[in-house]
C-alpha cells in the first residue's frame, strides 16, 4: 500500500490568539488604514472597527449577554460595516455568533434559532426580526454605548467564536463549533507580510453566511482594502475593478459563468487583476479558459476544503494541462483517500477524501465523532494522481450510479461546458425507472444555442450511457449564496415539469 503523495507533513503549531487580538495588532500597526470599502462608498478603518466594536461589546454586556452566550446576527444587502462591527463586538464580549441573512426562508431561520438558542439578536437597520425570535432583538445603533475602551473580558483561543453552518447543498445544513484558535491559526504578526499586495480585493459575498465570516476574518490579515459588492452584479464588479485598479477578485462558478456571459471585458479595463480566487466549487475547465481569456495576465487559484475542515485546505493554480486537479495541501494540512472502513487506498484508486489540520478542530454542535479522531470526512470522492495532486471525482451524493459505472457529474459538466453556447450547466442523476439512475442536465444557453445542437455535440463527445437522457432548458440555474448549484432543486424541477427529451 502506497502513502498518498498529496499528504503534507503536519505541524503542531497552534495559535495563542483570539480573533479580537488580530484586530488590536492591526490597529497598533496601521490604525488609519482602510480595511473595507462597501461598493466604492462607505469605508471603515482598523481604528474605527476597533472602537465601534468595543462600544458594541459594552452594549452587549449591558444587555445581559455574557461569556459563552450565543448571539445571532441578521443582516442583508450591503450593510457590511455594521455587520463587521456587530460581529467583532460579539467576539470581544466573549459570546458566540451565528449568522443569518434576509435571503433565508423564515423556516430555516427558525430552525437555526431553535438549534442554537441565542441569548439575543443584532439586526441590520433595514431588517425585520423573525416573528418569534425567542430572544431580545437590537440594532447596532441601539447597542453601541458611548464607551469605546476595551471590555474587561478574557477571550482565549479555546473559546467558541462561531456556530457556522455547512453549505447544505446535499442535505440540511448543520452547525459547526469554531474555536477562536481555529480562525487565527498561523495568522499572527509574522503572517501579515505574506498578504502584502496593497491593491484592492473584490469580495462579492452574501452577508450572513460562512463566506461573509471568512471575508471579515481575512480582512484582519490583508494589506489590501476589501471592496464588498453584491454577489450577482458582475457589471458593478467590472466597474469597480477598472475604477480602483483591483488586483484580486473572489469568484465562484456562478460569478465566473455570468462574467463570461456578460462579456464584461468588452466594456471595462480588467488589466489590473493578477489573481482570480475560487473557494466554493470546481469551475469547469472550458469556463475557466473563457474567464482567463477575459483577464490578461491573471491566474486562477482554487482552494478545496469544507466548512468543517478549515483551515485545512488543498490549493492549486489552474493548469490547462491538468484541468481537473485540485492541487496539494498547505503545509499544515494532511490529505488521505480511504475506503469505507477508513483504510487508506493506493494512489490512483478512488476513495473518500479526508482532511486533517494542525489547527484547533472544528466540530459539529451535536458531535458524534470520537474526540480522538481528528480527520474531517468531506463527503467527497477522489484519488491521488501520478503527479501527486489530489483529484476530485465528485460529491458522494452527486455521483451517478448507472448500470455500467459510477459517473462523475464534474467530468460530465466539463464536457457540457465545452459547447460554446452553454452559459451555465449542471449535471445530476434522476431515477431511471429500474431502481438505478440516469444522467440528466439543466443548462442555460446563449441566444444562438439550441438543445438539438447541444444533444448532437454531446453524442459525439460522450459514450452513449453518459449522454444526458433528459435536459431542462432554464433562464438561470438555482445557485446557493456561495455560488454552488442547488442540484436538489433541479431534481425536483425535473420531476415536476416537462423537461426537454434528449
Protein backbone atom coordinates (compact mmCIF):
# COMPACT_ATOMS: atom_id res chain seq x y z
CA UNK A 1 0.00 0.00 0.00
CA UNK A 2 1.46 3.36 -1.00
CA UNK A 3 1.29 6.56 1.00
CA UNK A 4 -0.74 9.27 -0.75
CA UNK A 5 1.79 11.76 -2.06
CA UNK A 6 -0.63 14.65 -1.66
CA UNK A 7 -0.14 14.27 2.11
CA UNK A 8 1.80 17.10 3.77
CA UNK A 9 3.87 16.90 6.93
CA UNK A 10 1.56 18.15 9.65
CA UNK A 11 2.95 20.71 12.05
CA UNK A 12 1.90 21.01 15.67
CA UNK A 13 1.80 24.81 15.73
CA UNK A 14 -1.33 26.25 17.28
CA UNK A 15 -2.40 29.84 17.77
CA UNK A 16 -2.50 31.52 21.15
CA UNK A 17 -4.63 34.33 19.75
CA UNK A 18 -8.32 35.09 19.71
CA UNK A 19 -9.83 36.93 16.74
CA UNK A 20 -10.06 40.33 18.52
CA UNK A 21 -6.31 40.08 19.25
CA UNK A 22 -5.62 40.22 15.50
CA UNK A 23 -7.64 43.41 15.18
CA UNK A 24 -5.74 45.00 18.06
CA UNK A 25 -2.44 44.09 16.34
CA UNK A 26 -3.55 45.75 13.12
CA UNK A 27 -4.68 48.86 15.00
CA UNK A 28 -1.27 49.14 16.67
CA UNK A 29 0.42 48.96 13.25
CA UNK A 30 -1.94 50.80 10.90
CA UNK A 31 -4.88 52.43 12.71
CA UNK A 32 -5.80 54.67 9.77
CA UNK A 33 -5.66 52.05 7.03
CA UNK A 34 -8.96 51.46 5.25
CA UNK A 35 -9.84 47.84 5.81
CA UNK A 36 -13.19 47.80 3.98
CA UNK A 37 -14.98 49.77 1.30
CA UNK A 38 -18.59 48.98 0.50
CA UNK A 39 -19.41 49.22 -3.20
CA UNK A 40 -16.94 52.07 -3.62
CA UNK A 41 -18.70 54.20 -0.98
CA UNK A 42 -18.83 53.61 2.82
CA UNK A 43 -15.46 52.87 4.38
CA UNK A 44 -14.06 51.65 7.69
CA UNK A 45 -10.54 51.86 9.11
CA UNK A 46 -8.98 49.46 11.59
CA UNK A 47 -9.27 52.11 14.30
CA UNK A 48 -12.96 52.67 13.54
CA UNK A 49 -13.62 48.93 13.61
CA UNK A 50 -11.86 48.53 16.95
CA UNK A 51 -13.50 51.49 18.68
CA UNK A 52 -17.04 50.79 17.47
CA UNK A 53 -16.84 47.07 18.26
CA UNK A 54 -15.62 47.97 21.76
CA UNK A 55 -18.71 50.15 22.18
CA UNK A 56 -20.96 47.38 20.94
CA UNK A 57 -19.33 44.83 23.25
CA UNK A 58 -20.08 47.12 26.20
CA UNK A 59 -23.69 47.33 25.00
CA UNK A 60 -23.95 43.56 24.75
CA UNK A 61 -22.67 43.07 28.27
CA UNK A 62 -25.12 45.71 29.48
CA UNK A 63 -27.96 43.79 27.82
CA UNK A 64 -27.19 40.72 29.86
CA UNK A 65 -25.18 38.76 27.27
CA UNK A 66 -22.04 37.22 28.66
CA UNK A 67 -19.17 34.89 28.04
CA UNK A 68 -20.28 31.75 26.21
CA UNK A 69 -23.72 33.08 25.24
CA UNK A 70 -24.86 32.75 21.63
CA UNK A 71 -25.85 35.96 19.82
CA UNK A 72 -27.43 35.93 16.36
CA UNK A 73 -26.61 38.33 13.52
CA UNK A 74 -29.37 39.12 11.00
CA UNK A 75 -28.09 41.27 8.13
CA UNK A 76 -28.59 41.70 4.42
CA UNK A 77 -27.88 43.85 1.40
CA UNK A 78 -24.66 45.85 1.65
CA UNK A 79 -24.71 46.55 5.39
CA UNK A 80 -21.13 45.30 5.70
CA UNK A 81 -19.77 47.93 8.09
CA UNK A 82 -22.41 47.43 10.78
CA UNK A 83 -22.17 43.66 10.28
CA UNK A 84 -18.39 43.70 10.86
CA UNK A 85 -18.81 45.94 13.92
CA UNK A 86 -21.52 43.71 15.39
CA UNK A 87 -19.59 40.52 14.70
CA UNK A 88 -16.39 41.77 16.32
CA UNK A 89 -18.34 43.17 19.27
CA UNK A 90 -19.89 39.75 19.87
CA UNK A 91 -16.45 38.13 19.91
CA UNK A 92 -14.97 40.78 22.22
CA UNK A 93 -17.79 40.18 24.70
CA UNK A 94 -16.81 36.50 24.80
CA UNK A 95 -20.00 35.47 23.02
CA UNK A 96 -20.52 33.12 20.09
CA UNK A 97 -22.03 34.33 16.79
CA UNK A 98 -24.49 32.66 14.45
CA UNK A 99 -25.05 34.26 11.06
CA UNK A 100 -28.43 34.79 9.37
CA UNK A 101 -29.46 36.86 6.35
CA UNK A 102 -32.55 38.24 4.67
CA UNK A 103 -32.49 35.69 1.82
CA UNK A 104 -33.05 32.73 4.15
CA UNK A 105 -36.56 31.28 4.32
CA UNK A 106 -38.33 32.03 7.58
CA UNK A 107 -38.48 28.32 8.36
CA UNK A 108 -34.71 27.99 8.02
CA UNK A 109 -34.10 30.97 10.30
CA UNK A 110 -36.48 29.45 12.85
CA UNK A 111 -34.69 26.08 12.60
CA UNK A 112 -31.29 27.63 13.26
CA UNK A 113 -32.55 29.73 16.15
CA UNK A 114 -34.11 26.62 17.71
CA UNK A 115 -30.85 24.68 17.32
CA UNK A 116 -28.51 27.37 18.64
CA UNK A 117 -30.78 29.11 21.19
CA UNK A 118 -29.27 32.61 21.11
CA UNK A 119 -29.47 34.94 24.07
CA UNK A 120 -30.02 37.91 21.76
CA UNK A 121 -30.08 39.05 18.14
CA UNK A 122 -28.41 42.00 16.44
CA UNK A 123 -30.18 43.02 13.25
CA UNK A 124 -29.31 45.36 10.43
CA UNK A 125 -31.24 48.63 10.46
CA UNK A 126 -33.32 47.53 7.47
CA UNK A 127 -34.05 44.01 8.68
CA UNK A 128 -37.31 42.86 10.26
CA UNK A 129 -36.80 40.38 13.11
CA UNK A 130 -38.38 36.92 12.97
CA UNK A 131 -41.94 36.67 14.25
CA UNK A 132 -40.83 34.71 17.32
CA UNK A 133 -37.09 35.07 17.76
CA UNK A 134 -37.11 33.71 21.33
CA UNK A 135 -34.56 36.34 22.41
CA UNK A 136 -34.11 40.08 22.65
CA UNK A 137 -33.52 41.96 19.37
CA UNK A 138 -31.46 45.17 18.96
CA UNK A 139 -29.89 47.16 16.14
CA UNK A 140 -26.23 48.14 16.14
CA UNK A 141 -27.18 51.74 16.95
CA UNK A 142 -29.24 50.60 19.93
CA UNK A 143 -26.38 48.52 21.32
CA UNK A 144 -23.42 50.83 20.72
CA UNK A 145 -22.61 52.53 24.01
CA UNK A 146 -20.61 55.71 24.43
CA UNK A 147 -17.70 53.75 25.90
CA UNK A 148 -15.08 52.84 23.32
CA UNK A 149 -12.43 51.43 25.61
CA UNK A 150 -11.80 47.65 25.62
CA UNK A 151 -14.14 45.47 27.67
CA UNK A 152 -12.77 43.51 30.59
CA UNK A 153 -13.45 40.05 29.16
CA UNK A 154 -10.77 37.45 28.56
CA UNK A 155 -11.24 35.64 25.25
CA UNK A 156 -8.87 32.77 24.52
CA UNK A 157 -8.15 30.52 21.54
CA UNK A 158 -10.23 27.74 23.06
CA UNK A 159 -13.41 29.85 23.24
CA UNK A 160 -16.04 29.31 20.54
CA UNK A 161 -16.26 32.24 18.14
CA UNK A 162 -18.96 30.99 15.77
CA UNK A 163 -21.55 28.38 15.04
CA UNK A 164 -21.12 28.15 11.26
CA UNK A 165 -23.47 26.15 9.09
CA UNK A 166 -22.36 23.72 6.42
CA UNK A 167 -23.36 24.51 2.84
CA UNK A 168 -26.43 22.28 2.77
CA UNK A 169 -26.16 21.61 -0.98
CA UNK A 170 -26.81 17.87 -0.49
CA UNK A 171 -28.81 17.87 2.76
CA UNK A 172 -29.83 20.03 5.71
CA UNK A 173 -27.01 22.34 6.76
CA UNK A 174 -25.54 21.56 10.18
CA UNK A 175 -23.99 23.88 12.81
CA UNK A 176 -20.24 23.62 13.38
CA UNK A 177 -18.49 24.92 16.51
CA UNK A 178 -15.46 27.07 15.59
CA UNK A 179 -12.81 27.91 18.23
CA UNK A 180 -11.04 31.27 18.01
CA UNK A 181 -7.73 29.42 17.66
CA UNK A 182 -9.03 27.77 14.51
CA UNK A 183 -9.65 31.14 12.85
CA UNK A 184 -6.34 32.64 13.98
CA UNK A 185 -4.14 29.62 13.25
CA UNK A 186 -0.95 30.76 11.51
CA UNK A 187 -2.17 34.35 11.32
CA UNK A 188 -0.09 36.21 13.91
CA UNK A 189 2.04 39.31 13.16
CA UNK A 190 4.64 37.25 11.27
CA UNK A 191 1.95 36.22 8.76
CA UNK A 192 0.70 39.73 7.91
CA UNK A 193 3.58 40.28 5.49
CA UNK A 194 2.50 37.24 3.46
CA UNK A 195 -0.51 39.22 2.29
CA UNK A 196 1.38 42.34 1.31
CA UNK A 197 -0.18 43.25 -2.05
CA UNK A 198 -1.77 46.69 -1.45
CA UNK A 199 -4.07 46.52 -4.48
CA UNK A 200 -7.75 46.13 -3.52
CA UNK A 201 -9.53 42.78 -3.36
CA UNK A 202 -13.15 42.49 -4.53
CA UNK A 203 -15.36 40.21 -2.44
CA UNK A 204 -18.86 39.67 -3.92
CA UNK A 205 -20.20 37.72 -0.95
CA UNK A 206 -23.61 37.36 0.67
CA UNK A 207 -23.86 38.79 4.17
CA UNK A 208 -24.82 36.47 7.00
CA UNK A 209 -23.12 33.40 5.56
CA UNK A 210 -19.99 31.36 6.12
CA UNK A 211 -18.46 33.31 3.22
CA UNK A 212 -19.05 36.64 4.96
CA UNK A 213 -17.43 35.28 8.13
CA UNK A 214 -14.39 34.21 6.11
CA UNK A 215 -14.28 37.58 4.36
CA UNK A 216 -14.42 39.50 7.62
CA UNK A 217 -11.65 37.40 9.14
CA UNK A 218 -9.48 37.63 6.02
CA UNK A 219 -9.67 41.41 6.37
CA UNK A 220 -7.59 41.10 9.55
CA UNK A 221 -4.61 39.67 7.64
CA UNK A 222 -4.57 41.57 4.36
CA UNK A 223 -2.66 44.68 3.38
CA UNK A 224 -5.29 45.29 0.71
CA UNK A 225 -8.61 47.04 1.14
CA UNK A 226 -11.62 44.76 0.73
CA UNK A 227 -14.21 46.11 -1.69
CA UNK A 228 -17.57 44.48 -0.95
CA UNK A 229 -20.06 44.15 -3.82
CA UNK A 230 -23.37 42.42 -4.42
CA UNK A 231 -22.84 38.71 -5.25
CA UNK A 232 -24.56 38.62 -8.64
CA UNK A 233 -23.77 42.08 -10.02
CA UNK A 234 -20.85 41.29 -12.34
CA UNK A 235 -21.25 44.58 -14.21
CA UNK A 236 -20.69 46.54 -10.99
CA UNK A 237 -17.72 44.32 -10.16
CA UNK A 238 -16.17 45.20 -13.52
CA UNK A 239 -16.77 48.92 -12.95
CA UNK A 240 -15.02 48.76 -9.57
CA UNK A 241 -12.10 46.73 -10.98
CA UNK A 242 -11.45 49.43 -13.56
CA UNK A 243 -12.03 52.35 -11.18
CA UNK A 244 -9.83 51.10 -8.32
CA UNK A 245 -7.13 49.07 -10.08
CA UNK A 246 -8.24 45.92 -8.28
CA UNK A 247 -5.58 43.21 -8.00
CA UNK A 248 -7.60 40.19 -6.84
CA UNK A 249 -11.18 39.08 -7.39
CA UNK A 250 -13.07 36.39 -5.50
CA UNK A 251 -15.09 34.25 -7.90
CA UNK A 252 -17.23 31.12 -7.80
CA UNK A 253 -18.96 29.08 -10.52
CA UNK A 254 -21.94 31.46 -10.65
CA UNK A 255 -19.81 34.60 -10.91
CA UNK A 256 -17.46 33.02 -13.45
CA UNK A 257 -20.36 31.94 -15.67
CA UNK A 258 -22.07 35.31 -15.51
CA UNK A 259 -18.89 37.29 -16.15
CA UNK A 260 -18.30 35.23 -19.28
CA UNK A 261 -21.93 35.54 -20.40
CA UNK A 262 -21.89 39.33 -19.85
CA UNK A 263 -18.56 39.76 -21.72
CA UNK A 264 -17.54 42.44 -19.22
CA UNK A 265 -14.05 42.74 -20.72
CA UNK A 266 -15.52 44.39 -23.80
CA UNK A 267 -16.65 47.41 -21.73
CA UNK A 268 -14.18 47.59 -18.85
CA UNK A 269 -10.42 47.54 -18.35
CA UNK A 270 -9.65 44.40 -16.34
CA UNK A 271 -5.89 44.52 -16.83
CA UNK A 272 -5.04 45.26 -13.17
CA UNK A 273 -6.27 41.85 -12.00
CA UNK A 274 -3.49 39.36 -11.31
CA UNK A 275 -5.45 36.75 -9.33
CA UNK A 276 -8.90 35.21 -9.57
CA UNK A 277 -9.55 33.20 -6.40
CA UNK A 278 -12.16 30.47 -6.09
CA UNK A 279 -13.09 28.50 -2.99
CA UNK A 280 -16.71 27.43 -3.43
CA UNK A 281 -16.77 24.65 -6.02
CA UNK A 282 -14.95 23.43 -9.09
CA UNK A 283 -15.10 25.71 -12.14
CA UNK A 284 -15.40 23.69 -15.35
CA UNK A 285 -12.19 23.83 -17.42
CA UNK A 286 -13.85 25.33 -20.52
CA UNK A 287 -15.43 28.02 -18.34
CA UNK A 288 -12.07 28.67 -16.64
CA UNK A 289 -10.43 29.07 -20.05
CA UNK A 290 -13.03 31.62 -21.16
CA UNK A 291 -12.76 33.50 -17.89
CA UNK A 292 -8.96 33.74 -18.00
CA UNK A 293 -9.11 34.95 -21.61
CA UNK A 294 -11.00 38.00 -20.29
CA UNK A 295 -8.34 38.79 -17.64
CA UNK A 296 -4.97 39.10 -19.41
CA UNK A 297 -2.09 38.16 -17.11
CA UNK A 298 -4.32 36.74 -14.35
CA UNK A 299 -4.16 33.28 -12.80
CA UNK A 300 -6.98 31.27 -11.31
CA UNK A 301 -6.22 29.99 -7.81
CA UNK A 302 -8.54 27.49 -6.18
CA UNK A 303 -8.95 26.25 -2.63
CA UNK A 304 -10.57 22.95 -1.77
CA UNK A 305 -11.89 22.44 1.73
CA UNK A 306 -15.06 22.02 3.80
CA UNK A 307 -16.60 24.28 6.42
CA UNK A 308 -15.80 21.55 8.95
CA UNK A 309 -12.12 21.28 7.85
CA UNK A 310 -10.95 24.92 7.66
CA UNK A 311 -8.13 25.99 7.79
CA UNK A 312 -7.20 22.60 6.37
CA UNK A 313 -7.12 23.26 2.65
CA UNK A 314 -5.80 21.94 -0.66
CA UNK A 315 -4.69 24.66 -3.09
CA UNK A 316 -3.93 24.84 -6.78
CA UNK A 317 -3.39 27.18 -9.69
CA UNK A 318 -5.45 26.24 -12.72
CA UNK A 319 -3.35 24.41 -15.30
CA UNK A 320 -4.96 23.57 -18.67
CA UNK A 321 -2.69 20.52 -18.84
CA UNK A 322 -4.25 19.19 -15.60
CA UNK A 323 -7.66 20.88 -15.64
CA UNK A 324 -9.33 18.67 -13.01
CA UNK A 325 -6.52 18.75 -10.46
CA UNK A 326 -7.48 20.08 -7.02
CA UNK A 327 -3.81 20.55 -6.11
CA UNK A 328 -1.82 19.83 -2.98
CA UNK A 329 -2.37 20.52 0.71
CA UNK A 330 -0.92 23.50 2.55
CA UNK A 331 1.97 22.76 4.95
CA UNK A 332 -0.31 22.38 7.99
CA UNK A 333 -2.82 20.16 6.18
CA UNK A 334 -2.90 16.41 5.63
CA UNK A 335 -4.96 14.63 2.99
CA UNK A 336 -5.79 10.97 2.71
CA UNK A 337 -8.06 8.94 0.46
CA UNK A 338 -9.68 5.97 2.20
CA UNK A 339 -12.14 3.14 1.67
CA UNK A 340 -15.42 2.71 3.53
CA UNK A 341 -13.52 1.39 6.59
CA UNK A 342 -11.23 4.48 6.71
CA UNK A 343 -8.27 2.44 5.42
CA UNK A 344 -6.03 4.45 3.04
CA UNK A 345 -6.18 3.25 -0.58
CA UNK A 346 -3.25 3.17 -3.04
CA UNK A 347 -2.51 6.20 -5.19
CA UNK A 348 -4.76 6.21 -8.23
CA UNK A 349 -7.61 4.34 -6.52
CA UNK A 350 -10.91 6.11 -5.99
CA UNK A 351 -11.91 6.62 -2.38
CA UNK A 352 -13.30 9.03 0.17
CA UNK A 353 -11.36 12.24 0.79
CA UNK A 354 -10.45 13.19 4.35
CA UNK A 355 -8.61 16.25 5.64
CA UNK A 356 -6.74 16.96 8.85
CA UNK A 357 -5.15 20.19 10.04
CA UNK A 358 -2.88 21.22 12.89
CA UNK A 359 -5.28 24.00 13.91
CA UNK A 360 -7.76 23.54 16.78
CA UNK A 361 -10.52 21.37 15.38
CA UNK A 362 -13.97 22.45 14.29
CA UNK A 363 -16.69 20.05 15.41
CA UNK A 364 -20.41 19.72 14.87
CA UNK A 365 -22.58 21.25 17.56
CA UNK A 366 -24.09 17.83 18.16
CA UNK A 367 -20.84 15.96 17.63
CA UNK A 368 -20.95 12.20 17.18
CA UNK A 369 -17.34 11.72 16.09
CA UNK A 370 -14.91 10.28 18.67
CA UNK A 371 -12.85 13.11 20.22
CA UNK A 372 -9.55 11.39 19.33
CA UNK A 373 -10.41 11.26 15.61
CA UNK A 374 -9.14 14.46 14.00
CA UNK A 375 -9.94 13.57 10.38
CA UNK A 376 -12.72 15.51 8.66
CA UNK A 377 -14.92 13.40 6.38
CA UNK A 378 -15.54 15.68 3.41
CA UNK A 379 -18.27 13.63 1.76
CA UNK A 380 -16.27 13.77 -1.49
CA UNK A 381 -14.79 11.07 -3.68
CA UNK A 382 -11.35 11.45 -5.24
CA UNK A 383 -7.91 10.00 -5.78
CA UNK A 384 -4.21 10.87 -5.69
CA UNK A 385 -2.83 11.16 -9.23
CA UNK A 386 0.53 10.04 -10.60
CA UNK A 387 1.65 13.66 -10.34
CA UNK A 388 0.96 13.70 -6.59
CA UNK A 389 -2.02 16.02 -6.88
CA UNK A 390 -5.44 15.40 -5.40
CA UNK A 391 -8.20 14.91 -7.98
CA UNK A 392 -11.84 15.42 -7.04
CA UNK A 393 -14.19 12.86 -8.60
CA UNK A 394 -17.49 14.13 -7.18
CA UNK A 395 -19.60 14.64 -4.10
CA UNK A 396 -20.51 11.13 -2.96
CA UNK A 397 -24.20 12.10 -3.05
CA UNK A 398 -23.93 13.64 -6.53
CA UNK A 399 -22.08 10.80 -8.27
CA UNK A 400 -24.43 8.92 -10.60
CA UNK A 401 -24.55 5.10 -10.26
CA UNK A 402 -25.54 3.71 -13.67
CA UNK A 403 -25.77 0.11 -14.84
CA UNK A 404 -22.32 0.42 -16.43
CA UNK A 405 -20.31 2.54 -13.95
CA UNK A 406 -20.43 5.33 -11.41
CA UNK A 407 -20.27 8.65 -13.27
CA UNK A 408 -18.74 11.92 -12.15
CA UNK A 409 -21.02 14.92 -12.61
CA UNK A 410 -17.90 17.11 -12.50
CA UNK A 411 -16.47 15.35 -15.55
CA UNK A 412 -19.80 15.43 -17.38
CA UNK A 413 -20.32 19.11 -16.62
CA UNK A 414 -16.86 19.79 -18.02
CA UNK A 415 -17.99 18.14 -21.26
CA UNK A 416 -21.24 20.13 -21.40
CA UNK A 417 -19.39 23.44 -20.87
CA UNK A 418 -17.21 22.67 -23.89
CA UNK A 419 -20.14 23.57 -26.12
CA UNK A 420 -19.65 27.29 -26.95
CA UNK A 421 -23.34 28.17 -26.47
CA UNK A 422 -23.52 26.83 -22.89
CA UNK A 423 -23.51 29.65 -20.35
CA UNK A 424 -24.45 27.68 -17.21
CA UNK A 425 -24.70 23.93 -16.72
CA UNK A 426 -25.37 21.32 -14.07
CA UNK A 427 -25.46 17.53 -14.39
CA UNK A 428 -27.22 15.27 -11.90
CA UNK A 429 -28.80 11.85 -11.58
CA UNK A 430 -32.51 11.05 -11.71
CA UNK A 431 -34.29 7.67 -11.30
CA UNK A 432 -34.23 5.52 -14.43
CA UNK A 433 -37.36 3.56 -13.51
CA UNK A 434 -35.40 0.35 -12.88
CA UNK A 435 -34.03 1.12 -9.43
CA UNK A 436 -30.96 2.89 -10.76
CA UNK A 437 -30.17 6.36 -12.06
CA UNK A 438 -29.68 8.00 -15.41
CA UNK A 439 -27.96 11.21 -16.42
CA UNK A 440 -29.93 14.47 -16.56
CA UNK A 441 -28.82 18.05 -17.04
CA UNK A 442 -30.00 21.63 -16.76
CA UNK A 443 -28.48 24.31 -18.95
CA UNK A 444 -28.64 27.99 -19.75
CA UNK A 445 -27.90 28.60 -23.43
CA UNK A 446 -26.79 31.67 -25.34
CA UNK A 447 -29.42 33.08 -27.73
CA UNK A 448 -27.82 31.29 -30.69
CA UNK A 449 -27.72 27.91 -28.93
CA UNK A 450 -30.23 25.10 -29.38
CA UNK A 451 -30.89 21.89 -27.50
CA UNK A 452 -30.69 19.89 -30.72
CA UNK A 453 -27.22 21.18 -31.38
CA UNK A 454 -26.15 20.53 -27.77
CA UNK A 455 -27.51 16.98 -27.88
CA UNK A 456 -25.68 16.26 -31.12
CA UNK A 457 -22.49 17.69 -29.66
CA UNK A 458 -22.71 15.53 -26.53
CA UNK A 459 -23.44 12.37 -28.53
CA UNK A 460 -20.20 12.95 -30.43
CA UNK A 461 -18.31 13.79 -27.25
CA UNK A 462 -19.52 11.14 -24.77
CA UNK A 463 -20.24 7.39 -24.67
CA UNK A 464 -23.99 6.66 -25.00
CA UNK A 465 -24.59 5.89 -21.30
CA UNK A 466 -23.01 9.24 -20.31
CA UNK A 467 -25.16 11.41 -22.59
CA UNK A 468 -27.95 13.13 -20.61
CA UNK A 469 -31.26 11.42 -21.24
CA UNK A 470 -33.17 14.49 -20.14
CA UNK A 471 -32.16 18.15 -20.41
CA UNK A 472 -34.00 21.09 -18.86
CA UNK A 473 -33.51 24.46 -20.53
CA UNK A 474 -33.62 27.26 -17.93
CA UNK A 475 -33.14 31.01 -17.89
CA UNK A 476 -30.78 30.67 -14.91
CA UNK A 477 -29.63 27.95 -12.53
CA UNK A 478 -30.51 27.97 -8.81
CA UNK A 479 -27.31 28.93 -7.02
CA UNK A 480 -26.63 28.97 -3.28
CA UNK A 481 -25.22 32.13 -1.65
CA UNK A 482 -21.68 30.75 -2.13
CA UNK A 483 -22.20 30.09 -5.83
CA UNK A 484 -22.84 26.35 -5.79
CA UNK A 485 -25.66 24.92 -7.90
CA UNK A 486 -28.52 23.58 -5.78
CA UNK A 487 -28.95 20.24 -7.53
CA UNK A 488 -31.71 19.10 -5.21
CA UNK A 489 -33.88 21.92 -6.59
CA UNK A 490 -33.07 20.88 -10.16
CA UNK A 491 -34.03 17.26 -9.48
CA UNK A 492 -37.36 18.40 -8.06
CA UNK A 493 -37.99 20.72 -11.01
CA UNK A 494 -37.26 17.98 -13.48
CA UNK A 495 -39.76 15.70 -11.81
CA UNK A 496 -42.44 18.38 -11.74
CA UNK A 497 -42.04 19.94 -15.16
CA UNK A 498 -41.97 18.73 -18.73
CA UNK A 499 -38.25 18.51 -19.38
CA UNK A 500 -36.93 18.51 -22.92
CA UNK A 501 -36.16 14.97 -24.13
CA UNK A 502 -32.61 14.40 -25.22
